[in-house]
C-alpha atoms as a PDB file:
ATOM      1  CA  MET A   1      -1.088  37.254 -11.736  1.00  0.00           C
ATOM      2  CA  ALA A   2      -0.601  33.865 -10.143  1.00  0.00           C
ATOM      3  CA  TRP A   3       1.856  32.660  -7.514  1.00  0.00           C
ATOM      4  CA  LEU A   4       3.668  29.399  -6.809  1.00  0.00           C
ATOM      5  CA  VAL A   5       3.213  28.667  -3.100  1.00  0.00           C
ATOM      6  CA  ARG A   6       4.628  25.979  -0.788  1.00  0.00           C
ATOM      7  CA  ASP A   7       3.437  25.719   2.834  1.00  0.00           C
ATOM      8  CA  GLY A   8       2.056  29.262   2.707  1.00  0.00           C
ATOM      9  CA  ASP A   9       5.348  30.730   1.420  1.00  0.00           C
ATOM     10  CA  VAL A  10       5.393  32.380  -2.005  1.00  0.00           C
ATOM     11  CA  LEU A  11       8.229  30.920  -4.070  1.00  0.00           C
ATOM     12  CA  ALA A  12       7.718  32.878  -7.301  1.00  0.00           C
ATOM     13  CA  SER A  13       5.283  34.608  -9.602  1.00  0.00           C
ATOM     14  CA  ALA A  14       3.698  32.194 -12.061  1.00  0.00           C
ATOM     15  CA  ASP A  15       2.477  32.291 -15.644  1.00  0.00           C
ATOM     16  CA  ILE A  16       0.042  29.512 -16.468  1.00  0.00           C
ATOM     17  CA  ALA A  17      -0.073  27.855 -19.905  1.00  0.00           C
ATOM     18  CA  ARG A  18      -3.386  26.042 -20.265  1.00  0.00           C
ATOM     19  CA  ARG A  19      -4.042  26.150 -23.998  1.00  0.00           C
ATOM     20  CA  VAL A  20      -2.265  23.789 -26.375  1.00  0.00           C
ATOM     21  CA  ARG A  21      -0.596  26.688 -28.187  1.00  0.00           C
ATOM     22  CA  GLU A  22       0.654  28.200 -24.913  1.00  0.00           C
ATOM     23  CA  ARG A  23       2.003  24.857 -23.707  1.00  0.00           C
ATOM     24  CA  THR A  24       3.650  24.173 -27.071  1.00  0.00           C
ATOM     25  CA  GLN A  25       5.342  27.596 -27.059  1.00  0.00           C
ATOM     26  CA  GLY A  26       6.403  27.314 -23.415  1.00  0.00           C
ATOM     27  CA  LEU A  27       9.642  29.195 -22.825  1.00  0.00           C
ATOM     28  CA  LEU A  28      10.773  29.079 -26.466  1.00  0.00           C
ATOM     29  CA  GLY A  29      12.051  32.384 -27.756  1.00  0.00           C
ATOM     30  CA  ARG A  30      12.849  33.749 -24.302  1.00  0.00           C
ATOM     31  CA  ASP A  31      16.346  34.582 -23.122  1.00  0.00           C
ATOM     32  CA  THR A  32      15.480  33.938 -19.484  1.00  0.00           C
ATOM     33  CA  VAL A  33      12.530  33.255 -17.208  1.00  0.00           C
ATOM     34  CA  THR A  34      11.513  35.271 -14.197  1.00  0.00           C
ATOM     35  CA  GLY A  35       9.299  33.350 -11.824  1.00  0.00           C
ATOM     36  CA  VAL A  36       7.889  30.092 -13.156  1.00  0.00           C
ATOM     37  CA  LEU A  37       5.842  28.778 -16.040  1.00  0.00           C
ATOM     38  CA  VAL A  38       3.169  26.228 -15.154  1.00  0.00           C
ATOM     39  CA  LEU A  39       2.115  23.847 -17.935  1.00  0.00           C
ATOM     40  CA  ARG A  40      -1.246  22.275 -17.228  1.00  0.00           C
ATOM     41  CA  PRO A  41      -1.798  19.463 -18.194  1.00  0.00           C
ATOM     42  CA  CYS A  42       1.708  18.136 -18.904  1.00  0.00           C
ATOM     43  CA  ARG A  43       3.664  14.897 -18.435  1.00  0.00           C
ATOM     44  CA  GLN A  44       6.820  15.519 -20.477  1.00  0.00           C
ATOM     45  CA  VAL A  45       8.820  18.538 -21.640  1.00  0.00           C
ATOM     46  CA  HIS A  46      11.518  19.268 -24.190  1.00  0.00           C
ATOM     47  CA  THR A  47      14.024  22.069 -24.501  1.00  0.00           C
ATOM     48  CA  PHE A  48      14.492  22.016 -28.287  1.00  0.00           C
ATOM     49  CA  GLY A  49      15.285  25.568 -29.351  1.00  0.00           C
ATOM     50  CA  MET A  50      15.818  26.753 -25.767  1.00  0.00           C
ATOM     51  CA  ARG A  51      18.676  29.135 -25.005  1.00  0.00           C
ATOM     52  CA  PHE A  52      19.177  28.230 -21.342  1.00  0.00           C
ATOM     53  CA  PRO A  53      18.793  25.237 -18.989  1.00  0.00           C
ATOM     54  CA  ILE A  54      15.675  24.952 -16.838  1.00  0.00           C
ATOM     55  CA  ASP A  55      14.543  23.270 -13.643  1.00  0.00           C
ATOM     56  CA  VAL A  56      11.428  21.149 -14.120  1.00  0.00           C
ATOM     57  CA  ALA A  57       9.135  19.830 -11.375  1.00  0.00           C
ATOM     58  CA  PHE A  58       6.575  17.193 -12.309  1.00  0.00           C
ATOM     59  CA  CYS A  59       3.597  17.444  -9.949  1.00  0.00           C
ATOM     60  CA  ASP A  60       0.523  15.266  -9.504  1.00  0.00           C
ATOM     61  CA  ARG A  61      -2.975  16.768  -9.614  1.00  0.00           C
ATOM     62  CA  ASP A  62      -2.814  17.590  -5.903  1.00  0.00           C
ATOM     63  CA  GLY A  63       0.468  19.499  -6.291  1.00  0.00           C
ATOM     64  CA  THR A  64       2.793  16.908  -4.788  1.00  0.00           C
ATOM     65  CA  VAL A  65       6.170  17.132  -6.509  1.00  0.00           C
ATOM     66  CA  LEU A  66       6.862  13.707  -8.006  1.00  0.00           C
ATOM     67  CA  ARG A  67      10.218  14.426  -9.615  1.00  0.00           C
ATOM     68  CA  THR A  68      12.565  17.350 -10.239  1.00  0.00           C
ATOM     69  CA  VAL A  69      15.202  17.566 -12.933  1.00  0.00           C
ATOM     70  CA  THR A  70      17.446  20.183 -14.534  1.00  0.00           C
ATOM     71  CA  VAL A  71      17.216  20.017 -18.319  1.00  0.00           C
ATOM     72  CA  ALA A  72      19.876  21.392 -20.664  1.00  0.00           C
ATOM     73  CA  PRO A  73      18.913  22.912 -24.020  1.00  0.00           C
ATOM     74  CA  TRP A  74      18.038  20.470 -26.812  1.00  0.00           C
ATOM     75  CA  ARG A  75      16.934  17.634 -24.507  1.00  0.00           C
ATOM     76  CA  VAL A  76      13.733  15.692 -23.766  1.00  0.00           C
ATOM     77  CA  THR A  77      12.604  14.488 -20.342  1.00  0.00           C
ATOM     78  CA  ARG A  78      11.145  11.096 -19.623  1.00  0.00           C
ATOM     79  CA  VAL A  79       7.379  10.876 -19.394  1.00  0.00           C
ATOM     80  CA  VAL A  80       6.071  11.089 -15.821  1.00  0.00           C
ATOM     81  CA  TRP A  81       2.715   9.335 -16.193  1.00  0.00           C
ATOM     82  CA  ARG A  82       1.233  10.447 -12.855  1.00  0.00           C
ATOM     83  CA  ALA A  83       2.039  14.130 -13.486  1.00  0.00           C
ATOM     84  CA  GLY A  84      -0.900  16.494 -13.761  1.00  0.00           C
ATOM     85  CA  PHE A  85       1.161  19.616 -14.331  1.00  0.00           C
ATOM     86  CA  VAL A  86       4.731  20.821 -14.662  1.00  0.00           C
ATOM     87  CA  VAL A  87       6.534  23.803 -13.153  1.00  0.00           C
ATOM     88  CA  GLU A  88       9.437  25.260 -15.157  1.00  0.00           C
ATOM     89  CA  ALA A  89      11.954  27.753 -13.747  1.00  0.00           C
ATOM     90  CA  ALA A  90      15.464  28.978 -14.479  1.00  0.00           C
ATOM     91  CA  ALA A  91      18.107  26.377 -13.633  1.00  0.00           C
ATOM     92  CA  GLY A  92      19.194  26.693 -10.012  1.00  0.00           C
ATOM     93  CA  SER A  93      15.852  28.054  -8.797  1.00  0.00           C
ATOM     94  CA  PHE A  94      14.775  24.818  -7.127  1.00  0.00           C
ATOM     95  CA  ASP A  95      18.058  24.636  -5.198  1.00  0.00           C
ATOM     96  CA  ARG A  96      17.537  28.209  -3.942  1.00  0.00           C
ATOM     97  CA  TRP A  97      13.949  27.400  -2.931  1.00  0.00           C
ATOM     98  CA  HIS A  98      14.875  23.949  -1.544  1.00  0.00           C
ATOM     99  CA  LEU A  99      12.098  22.482  -3.725  1.00  0.00           C
ATOM    100  CA  GLN A 100      12.293  18.696  -3.945  1.00  0.00           C
ATOM    101  CA  ALA A 101      10.258  15.558  -4.550  1.00  0.00           C
ATOM    102  CA  GLY A 102       7.647  15.097  -1.838  1.00  0.00           C
ATOM    103  CA  ASP A 103       6.963  18.824  -1.394  1.00  0.00           C
ATOM    104  CA  THR A 104       3.463  20.100  -2.114  1.00  0.00           C
ATOM    105  CA  VAL A 105       3.041  23.231  -4.204  1.00  0.00           C
ATOM    106  CA  GLU A 106      -0.028  25.225  -5.097  1.00  0.00           C
ATOM    107  CA  VAL A 107      -0.643  27.712  -7.880  1.00  0.00           C
ATOM    108  CA  LYS A 108      -2.752  30.546  -6.455  1.00  0.00           C
ATOM    109  CA  GLU A 109      -4.453  32.910  -8.863  1.00  0.00           C
END
């Protein structure tokens, strides 16, 4: 089990998708997400076939959040070239956690 951490505070449990197949599958086929899904490496996401909107945080290799966006089903985000990984969560999660651009997150395994 892994955890998404900011400034020593655990924000959520984390699943990590490292393999191409895992990253391609992502959250497809799920009705909801508990915790977060980390896609590493990743610079762009889509929600084709998704059943619910998601919050997406594009992070650089050091974990600094470069950009956050809420993505509705059947959409594609812009490419964030400096992103090293992406954090996906249920829409509204980032507001509850006060996660925003400039924050630094860490995935602890």
